[in-house]
């Protein structure tokens, strides 16, 4: 037993040492991307992805950086997704009431169904359809990264994730400007406007920003509604993981036991601890920073693993699918807000 543990420890140490060069490159590139995004007031995930893709030739020519890039794009990303759970307080979200949760469940289900049905009609892979629909339905880039962890590995995985993240980030950024104007044109109350913005915009930051651009009450409602969608990340990722593994679509084409991913269990554990007020505010804040840092590093690493020509040869049907998914969740929320008490 002791010898086996010693061998595993040495193997882990060797793996971590081999990851140092590539991880160092990813950290430096991410820091530069974050500074550039801050300076230009651009979404940091998109800038990190572009910087990573610009550095892709290094990955093909310098083999020593490969292990570190893989570490940032996979294990580190899973850590970031797990830490997201610390920011979700289910007890607070329950104050919204069952009509809102029922509406959000319907909107998410309709969006995912749209992705699967329309994606098949447009000739998109089931993997891409699930990835895009989940990102639109839940929380944009973070959901795309989380769902990608639960999907089987393929040669196209990095290109799929890159396309989805760029598209949902741009759509969400446009929504900051357009959606508040829409809620104003429909003469919605602050609470209703916050519900629409939190219930339809993709990325968390954009949904909250759009809500507070209307009013403080709208911003508070948008925050609660958006975090309710984030809380639904766990069951969606669980369902995706179990579905793909049950159908035998896993690494190497081999059938695997349908078990929940470990990072998802970490997400649920932290969400439960946060809901029970077991996590001090300072620790919760720290875990939030860890999550953002890990996911941003993962974005740079995914960019490094994505040839820039994959983005140049972008399939227009993929964009059409993402647009239709975006319209679906917006329409469901807009219709529902006319009937549910808020």
Foldseek 3Di string as FASTA:
>chain_A
DVVVVVVVVVVVVVLVVLLVVLLVVLLVLLVVLVVVCVVVVHPSLLSLLQSLQVQLVVVVVPVSNVSNLVCLQAVLLLLLLLLVLLVFQVLVLCVVDDLLVVLLVVLLVQLLVLLQVLCVVLVHDNLLSNLLSQQQSFAHLNLSSLLLNLAADDLCSLLSSSVSNVLLRVVLVVCLVPLLVVCVVVVHDLLLSLSLLLSQRRHQVSSLSSSVVNPPSSSVNSNSSNSSSNVCSLVSSLVSNQVCLVVQRHYPSGRDDSDGDPSSVSSVVSNVCSNVVVADPVRSVVSNVSSVSSSSSSSSSSSSSDNPVSVVPDDVSSSVSSVVSSVSSSVSSVVSSVPDDD
